[in-house]
All heavy atoms as atom14 arrays in JSON, in Angstrom:
{
  "sequence": "LAMHPERNWDRIQKSHPDHLAVGEIITRAVY",
  "atom14_mask": [
    [1, 1, 1, 1, 1, 1, 1, 1, 0, 0, 0, 0, 0, 0],
    [1, 1, 1, 1, 1, 0, 0, 0, 0, 0, 0, 0, 0, 0],
    [1, 1, 1, 1, 1, 1, 1, 1, 0, 0, 0, 0, 0, 0],
    [1, 1, 1, 1, 1, 1, 1, 1, 1, 1, 0, 0, 0, 0],
    [1, 1, 1, 1, 1, 1, 1, 0, 0, 0, 0, 0, 0, 0],
    [1, 1, 1, 1, 1, 1, 1, 1, 1, 0, 0, 0, 0, 0],
    [1, 1, 1, 1, 1, 1, 1, 1, 1, 1, 1, 0, 0, 0],
    [1, 1, 1, 1, 1, 1, 1, 1, 0, 0, 0, 0, 0, 0],
    [1, 1, 1, 1, 1, 1, 1, 1, 1, 1, 1, 1, 1, 1],
    [1, 1, 1, 1, 1, 1, 1, 1, 0, 0, 0, 0, 0, 0],
    [1, 1, 1, 1, 1, 1, 1, 1, 1, 1, 1, 0, 0, 0],
    [1, 1, 1, 1, 1, 1, 1, 1, 0, 0, 0, 0, 0, 0],
    [1, 1, 1, 1, 1, 1, 1, 1, 1, 0, 0, 0, 0, 0],
    [1, 1, 1, 1, 1, 1, 1, 1, 1, 0, 0, 0, 0, 0],
    [1, 1, 1, 1, 1, 1, 0, 0, 0, 0, 0, 0, 0, 0],
    [1, 1, 1, 1, 1, 1, 1, 1, 1, 1, 0, 0, 0, 0],
    [1, 1, 1, 1, 1, 1, 1, 0, 0, 0, 0, 0, 0, 0],
    [1, 1, 1, 1, 1, 1, 1, 1, 0, 0, 0, 0, 0, 0],
    [1, 1, 1, 1, 1, 1, 1, 1, 1, 1, 0, 0, 0, 0],
    [1, 1, 1, 1, 1, 1, 1, 1, 0, 0, 0, 0, 0, 0],
    [1, 1, 1, 1, 1, 0, 0, 0, 0, 0, 0, 0, 0, 0],
    [1, 1, 1, 1, 1, 1, 1, 0, 0, 0, 0, 0, 0, 0],
    [1, 1, 1, 1, 0, 0, 0, 0, 0, 0, 0, 0, 0, 0],
    [1, 1, 1, 1, 1, 1, 1, 1, 1, 0, 0, 0, 0, 0],
    [1, 1, 1, 1, 1, 1, 1, 1, 0, 0, 0, 0, 0, 0],
    [1, 1, 1, 1, 1, 1, 1, 1, 0, 0, 0, 0, 0, 0],
    [1, 1, 1, 1, 1, 1, 1, 0, 0, 0, 0, 0, 0, 0],
    [1, 1, 1, 1, 1, 1, 1, 1, 1, 1, 1, 0, 0, 0],
    [1, 1, 1, 1, 1, 0, 0, 0, 0, 0, 0, 0, 0, 0],
    [1, 1, 1, 1, 1, 1, 1, 0, 0, 0, 0, 0, 0, 0],
    [1, 1, 1, 1, 1, 1, 1, 1, 1, 1, 1, 1, 0, 0]
  ],
  "atom14_positions": [
    [[-32.34, -96.16, 146.58], [-32.93, -96.69, 145.45], [-34.16, -97.54, 145.95], [-33.89, -98.32, 146.84], [-32.02, -97.57, 144.67], [-32.49, -98.1, 143.31], [-31.37, -98.29, 142.36], [-33.25, -99.41, 143.52], [0.0, 0.0, 0.0], [0.0, 0.0, 0.0], [0.0, 0.0, 0.0], [0.0, 0.0, 0.0], [0.0, 0.0, 0.0], [0.0, 0.0, 0.0]],
    [[-35.26, -97.33, 145.47], [-36.49, -98.05, 145.94], [-37.49, -98.26, 144.89], [-37.41, -97.67, 143.77], [-37.15, -97.25, 147.14], [0.0, 0.0, 0.0], [0.0, 0.0, 0.0], [0.0, 0.0, 0.0], [0.0, 0.0, 0.0], [0.0, 0.0, 0.0], [0.0, 0.0, 0.0], [0.0, 0.0, 0.0], [0.0, 0.0, 0.0], [0.0, 0.0, 0.0]],
    [[-38.48, -98.98, 145.18], [-39.66, -99.23, 144.35], [-40.57, -98.01, 144.19], [-40.56, -97.2, 145.17], [-40.36, -100.48, 144.71], [-39.49, -101.68, 145.01], [-40.23, -103.25, 145.24], [-40.33, -103.75, 143.49], [0.0, 0.0, 0.0], [0.0, 0.0, 0.0], [0.0, 0.0, 0.0], [0.0, 0.0, 0.0], [0.0, 0.0, 0.0], [0.0, 0.0, 0.0]],
    [[-41.15, -97.85, 143.05], [-41.96, -96.61, 142.88], [-43.32, -96.71, 143.61], [-43.95, -97.71, 143.63], [-42.21, -96.5, 141.31], [-42.46, -95.05, 140.88], [-43.58, -94.31, 141.2], [-41.58, -94.22, 140.19], [-43.4, -93.07, 140.71], [-42.22, -93.11, 140.11], [0.0, 0.0, 0.0], [0.0, 0.0, 0.0], [0.0, 0.0, 0.0], [0.0, 0.0, 0.0]],
    [[-43.78, -95.51, 144.18], [-45.02, -95.48, 144.83], [-46.22, -95.42, 143.88], [-47.41, -95.51, 144.4], [-44.92, -94.27, 145.7], [-44.06, -93.3, 144.94], [-42.96, -94.23, 144.33], [0.0, 0.0, 0.0], [0.0, 0.0, 0.0], [0.0, 0.0, 0.0], [0.0, 0.0, 0.0], [0.0, 0.0, 0.0], [0.0, 0.0, 0.0], [0.0, 0.0, 0.0]],
    [[-46.04, -95.17, 142.58], [-47.23, -94.98, 141.67], [-47.44, -96.31, 140.87], [-46.47, -97.02, 140.44], [-46.87, -93.89, 140.63], [-46.83, -92.54, 141.38], [-46.54, -91.46, 140.33], [-47.19, -91.52, 139.29], [-45.8, -90.55, 140.57], [0.0, 0.0, 0.0], [0.0, 0.0, 0.0], [0.0, 0.0, 0.0], [0.0, 0.0, 0.0], [0.0, 0.0, 0.0]],
    [[-48.63, -96.69, 140.71], [-48.96, -97.91, 140.09], [-48.65, -97.81, 138.54], [-48.85, -96.85, 138.01], [-50.46, -98.22, 140.3], [-50.91, -99.51, 139.61], [-52.3, -99.87, 140.12], [-52.28, -100.71, 141.38], [-52.57, -100.23, 142.58], [-53.04, -98.97, 142.71], [-52.49, -100.97, 143.63], [0.0, 0.0, 0.0], [0.0, 0.0, 0.0], [0.0, 0.0, 0.0]],
    [[-48.11, -98.92, 137.99], [-47.83, -99.05, 136.52], [-48.92, -99.85, 135.89], [-49.14, -101.02, 136.1], [-46.5, -99.81, 136.37], [-46.12, -99.89, 134.88], [-46.93, -99.83, 133.99], [-44.71, -99.91, 134.66], [0.0, 0.0, 0.0], [0.0, 0.0, 0.0], [0.0, 0.0, 0.0], [0.0, 0.0, 0.0], [0.0, 0.0, 0.0], [0.0, 0.0, 0.0]],
    [[-49.89, -99.07, 135.25], [-51.03, -99.7, 134.63], [-50.77, -100.55, 133.38], [-51.48, -101.37, 133.0], [-52.13, -98.62, 134.32], [-52.75, -97.93, 135.54], [-52.42, -96.76, 136.11], [-53.56, -98.58, 136.52], [-53.15, -96.52, 137.2], [-53.88, -97.72, 137.51], [-54.18, -99.94, 136.62], [-54.75, -97.99, 138.52], [-55.06, -100.19, 137.73], [-55.22, -99.22, 138.61]],
    [[-49.62, -100.19, 132.8], [-49.15, -101.01, 131.53], [-48.7, -102.33, 131.89], [-48.77, -103.32, 131.1], [-48.1, -100.23, 130.82], [-48.6, -98.88, 130.23], [-49.79, -98.84, 129.86], [-47.87, -97.94, 130.25], [0.0, 0.0, 0.0], [0.0, 0.0, 0.0], [0.0, 0.0, 0.0], [0.0, 0.0, 0.0], [0.0, 0.0, 0.0], [0.0, 0.0, 0.0]],
    [[-48.22, -102.58, 133.08], [-47.69, -103.82, 133.52], [-48.0, -103.89, 135.04], [-47.07, -103.67, 135.82], [-46.23, -104.14, 133.23], [-45.67, -105.5, 133.5], [-44.25, -105.66, 133.01], [-43.8, -106.94, 133.33], [-43.99, -108.08, 132.56], [-44.72, -107.99, 131.55], [-43.54, -109.18, 132.88], [0.0, 0.0, 0.0], [0.0, 0.0, 0.0], [0.0, 0.0, 0.0]],
    [[-49.21, -104.35, 135.35], [-49.56, -104.19, 136.74], [-48.87, -105.15, 137.63], [-48.75, -104.91, 138.92], [-51.06, -104.41, 136.87], [-51.64, -103.81, 138.16], [-51.49, -105.92, 136.68], [-53.18, -103.71, 138.21], [0.0, 0.0, 0.0], [0.0, 0.0, 0.0], [0.0, 0.0, 0.0], [0.0, 0.0, 0.0], [0.0, 0.0, 0.0], [0.0, 0.0, 0.0]],
    [[-48.17, -106.2, 137.22], [-47.43, -107.03, 137.96], [-46.24, -106.35, 138.65], [-45.71, -106.83, 139.67], [-46.83, -108.23, 137.11], [-47.87, -109.2, 136.69], [-48.71, -108.78, 135.5], [-48.44, -107.72, 134.89], [-49.64, -109.56, 135.07], [0.0, 0.0, 0.0], [0.0, 0.0, 0.0], [0.0, 0.0, 0.0], [0.0, 0.0, 0.0], [0.0, 0.0, 0.0]],
    [[-45.79, -105.18, 138.06], [-44.71, -104.42, 138.7], [-45.3, -103.71, 139.92], [-44.49, -103.19, 140.79], [-44.19, -103.38, 137.74], [-43.36, -103.92, 136.62], [-42.78, -102.66, 135.87], [-41.77, -103.19, 134.78], [-41.19, -102.04, 134.04], [0.0, 0.0, 0.0], [0.0, 0.0, 0.0], [0.0, 0.0, 0.0], [0.0, 0.0, 0.0], [0.0, 0.0, 0.0]],
    [[-46.54, -103.67, 140.18], [-47.18, -102.93, 141.17], [-47.96, -103.7, 142.17], [-49.04, -103.39, 142.59], [-48.16, -101.92, 140.53], [-47.51, -101.02, 139.58], [0.0, 0.0, 0.0], [0.0, 0.0, 0.0], [0.0, 0.0, 0.0], [0.0, 0.0, 0.0], [0.0, 0.0, 0.0], [0.0, 0.0, 0.0], [0.0, 0.0, 0.0], [0.0, 0.0, 0.0]],
    [[-47.28, -104.75, 142.62], [-47.8, -105.53, 143.78], [-47.97, -104.52, 144.93], [-47.21, -103.55, 145.06], [-46.68, -106.52, 144.22], [-47.0, -107.47, 145.25], [-47.22, -107.07, 146.6], [-47.17, -108.86, 145.25], [-47.48, -108.13, 147.24], [-47.51, -109.19, 146.57], [0.0, 0.0, 0.0], [0.0, 0.0, 0.0], [0.0, 0.0, 0.0], [0.0, 0.0, 0.0]],
    [[-49.06, -104.72, 145.72], [-49.31, -103.77, 146.84], [-48.08, -103.47, 147.73], [-47.91, -102.41, 148.26], [-50.48, -104.38, 147.55], [-51.22, -105.18, 146.56], [-50.19, -105.67, 145.61], [0.0, 0.0, 0.0], [0.0, 0.0, 0.0], [0.0, 0.0, 0.0], [0.0, 0.0, 0.0], [0.0, 0.0, 0.0], [0.0, 0.0, 0.0], [0.0, 0.0, 0.0]],
    [[-47.28, -104.58, 147.95], [-46.04, -104.45, 148.77], [-45.05, -103.45, 148.07], [-44.42, -102.67, 148.75], [-45.43, -105.79, 149.06], [-46.13, -106.53, 150.09], [-47.12, -106.1, 150.71], [-45.81, -107.77, 150.21], [0.0, 0.0, 0.0], [0.0, 0.0, 0.0], [0.0, 0.0, 0.0], [0.0, 0.0, 0.0], [0.0, 0.0, 0.0], [0.0, 0.0, 0.0]],
    [[-45.03, -103.54, 146.77], [-44.07, -102.61, 146.06], [-44.51, -101.19, 146.17], [-43.67, -100.26, 146.39], [-44.14, -102.94, 144.48], [-43.68, -104.3, 144.21], [-43.54, -104.72, 142.86], [-43.31, -105.41, 145.01], [-43.14, -105.96, 142.84], [-42.91, -106.37, 144.1], [0.0, 0.0, 0.0], [0.0, 0.0, 0.0], [0.0, 0.0, 0.0], [0.0, 0.0, 0.0]],
    [[-45.86, -100.96, 146.04], [-46.34, -99.61, 146.21], [-46.08, -99.15, 147.67], [-45.77, -97.91, 147.84], [-47.81, -99.52, 145.86], [-48.16, -99.97, 144.45], [-49.68, -99.91, 144.27], [-47.54, -99.1, 143.38], [0.0, 0.0, 0.0], [0.0, 0.0, 0.0], [0.0, 0.0, 0.0], [0.0, 0.0, 0.0], [0.0, 0.0, 0.0], [0.0, 0.0, 0.0]],
    [[-46.24, -99.95, 148.56], [-46.05, -99.51, 149.97], [-44.63, -99.21, 150.21], [-44.23, -98.21, 150.97], [-46.47, -100.71, 150.97], [0.0, 0.0, 0.0], [0.0, 0.0, 0.0], [0.0, 0.0, 0.0], [0.0, 0.0, 0.0], [0.0, 0.0, 0.0], [0.0, 0.0, 0.0], [0.0, 0.0, 0.0], [0.0, 0.0, 0.0], [0.0, 0.0, 0.0]],
    [[-43.67, -99.91, 149.62], [-42.3, -99.65, 149.78], [-42.04, -98.16, 149.28], [-41.34, -97.37, 149.82], [-41.38, -100.64, 148.99], [-39.93, -100.06, 148.87], [-41.36, -102.01, 149.66], [0.0, 0.0, 0.0], [0.0, 0.0, 0.0], [0.0, 0.0, 0.0], [0.0, 0.0, 0.0], [0.0, 0.0, 0.0], [0.0, 0.0, 0.0], [0.0, 0.0, 0.0]],
    [[-42.51, -97.85, 148.06], [-42.31, -96.62, 147.44], [-42.81, -95.5, 148.44], [-42.13, -94.46, 148.53], [0.0, 0.0, 0.0], [0.0, 0.0, 0.0], [0.0, 0.0, 0.0], [0.0, 0.0, 0.0], [0.0, 0.0, 0.0], [0.0, 0.0, 0.0], [0.0, 0.0, 0.0], [0.0, 0.0, 0.0], [0.0, 0.0, 0.0], [0.0, 0.0, 0.0]],
    [[-43.97, -95.7, 148.88], [-44.59, -94.65, 149.75], [-43.86, -94.51, 151.08], [-43.58, -93.39, 151.55], [-46.04, -94.99, 150.04], [-46.79, -93.89, 150.75], [-46.88, -92.48, 149.94], [-46.78, -92.52, 148.65], [-46.88, -91.45, 150.54], [0.0, 0.0, 0.0], [0.0, 0.0, 0.0], [0.0, 0.0, 0.0], [0.0, 0.0, 0.0], [0.0, 0.0, 0.0]],
    [[-43.44, -95.65, 151.7], [-42.76, -95.54, 152.98], [-41.42, -94.86, 152.74], [-40.96, -93.98, 153.51], [-42.45, -97.02, 153.41], [-43.71, -97.66, 153.95], [-41.4, -97.07, 154.48], [-43.59, -99.2, 154.08], [0.0, 0.0, 0.0], [0.0, 0.0, 0.0], [0.0, 0.0, 0.0], [0.0, 0.0, 0.0], [0.0, 0.0, 0.0], [0.0, 0.0, 0.0]],
    [[-40.64, -95.19, 151.72], [-39.38, -94.58, 151.45], [-39.54, -93.17, 151.13], [-38.71, -92.33, 151.63], [-38.62, -95.24, 150.3], [-38.34, -96.82, 150.72], [-37.33, -94.67, 150.02], [-37.72, -96.96, 151.99], [0.0, 0.0, 0.0], [0.0, 0.0, 0.0], [0.0, 0.0, 0.0], [0.0, 0.0, 0.0], [0.0, 0.0, 0.0], [0.0, 0.0, 0.0]],
    [[-40.48, -92.84, 150.21], [-40.65, -91.39, 149.91], [-40.96, -90.55, 151.19], [-40.45, -89.43, 151.28], [-41.72, -91.16, 148.85], [-41.39, -91.95, 147.67], [-41.93, -89.75, 148.34], [0.0, 0.0, 0.0], [0.0, 0.0, 0.0], [0.0, 0.0, 0.0], [0.0, 0.0, 0.0], [0.0, 0.0, 0.0], [0.0, 0.0, 0.0], [0.0, 0.0, 0.0]],
    [[-41.8, -91.03, 152.0], [-42.21, -90.24, 153.22], [-40.98, -90.16, 154.22], [-40.76, -89.22, 154.83], [-43.34, -90.94, 153.93], [-44.65, -90.78, 153.25], [-45.81, -91.28, 154.22], [-47.02, -91.47, 153.41], [-48.19, -91.66, 154.06], [-48.24, -91.63, 155.43], [-49.28, -91.74, 153.35], [0.0, 0.0, 0.0], [0.0, 0.0, 0.0], [0.0, 0.0, 0.0]],
    [[-40.19, -91.3, 154.2], [-39.06, -91.38, 155.08], [-37.92, -90.38, 154.76], [-37.34, -89.64, 155.61], [-38.45, -92.76, 155.23], [0.0, 0.0, 0.0], [0.0, 0.0, 0.0], [0.0, 0.0, 0.0], [0.0, 0.0, 0.0], [0.0, 0.0, 0.0], [0.0, 0.0, 0.0], [0.0, 0.0, 0.0], [0.0, 0.0, 0.0], [0.0, 0.0, 0.0]],
    [[-37.65, -90.29, 153.44], [-36.47, -89.41, 153.04], [-36.91, -87.91, 153.12], [-35.95, -87.09, 153.28], [-35.97, -89.89, 151.61], [-35.49, -91.23, 151.58], [-37.0, -89.5, 150.55], [0.0, 0.0, 0.0], [0.0, 0.0, 0.0], [0.0, 0.0, 0.0], [0.0, 0.0, 0.0], [0.0, 0.0, 0.0], [0.0, 0.0, 0.0], [0.0, 0.0, 0.0]],
    [[-38.1, -87.63, 153.07], [-38.47, -86.21, 153.3], [-39.87, -86.18, 153.96], [-40.78, -86.7, 153.34], [-38.49, -85.44, 152.11], [-38.83, -83.96, 152.39], [-37.81, -83.11, 152.85], [-40.19, -83.49, 152.32], [-38.16, -81.85, 153.3], [-40.5, -82.19, 152.7], [-39.54, -81.32, 153.25], [-39.79, -80.1, 153.63], [0.0, 0.0, 0.0], [0.0, 0.0, 0.0]]
  ]
}
C-alpha cells in the first residue's frame, strides 16, 4: 500500500511532492 504517483488536482494538498515521489518509487520498484 502506497501513496499515488498521480497528482490530485481537486485537493492538491494530497499531492505533496514527496507523496508523488513515493508513488513513483513504489510503482517502479514493484515492477
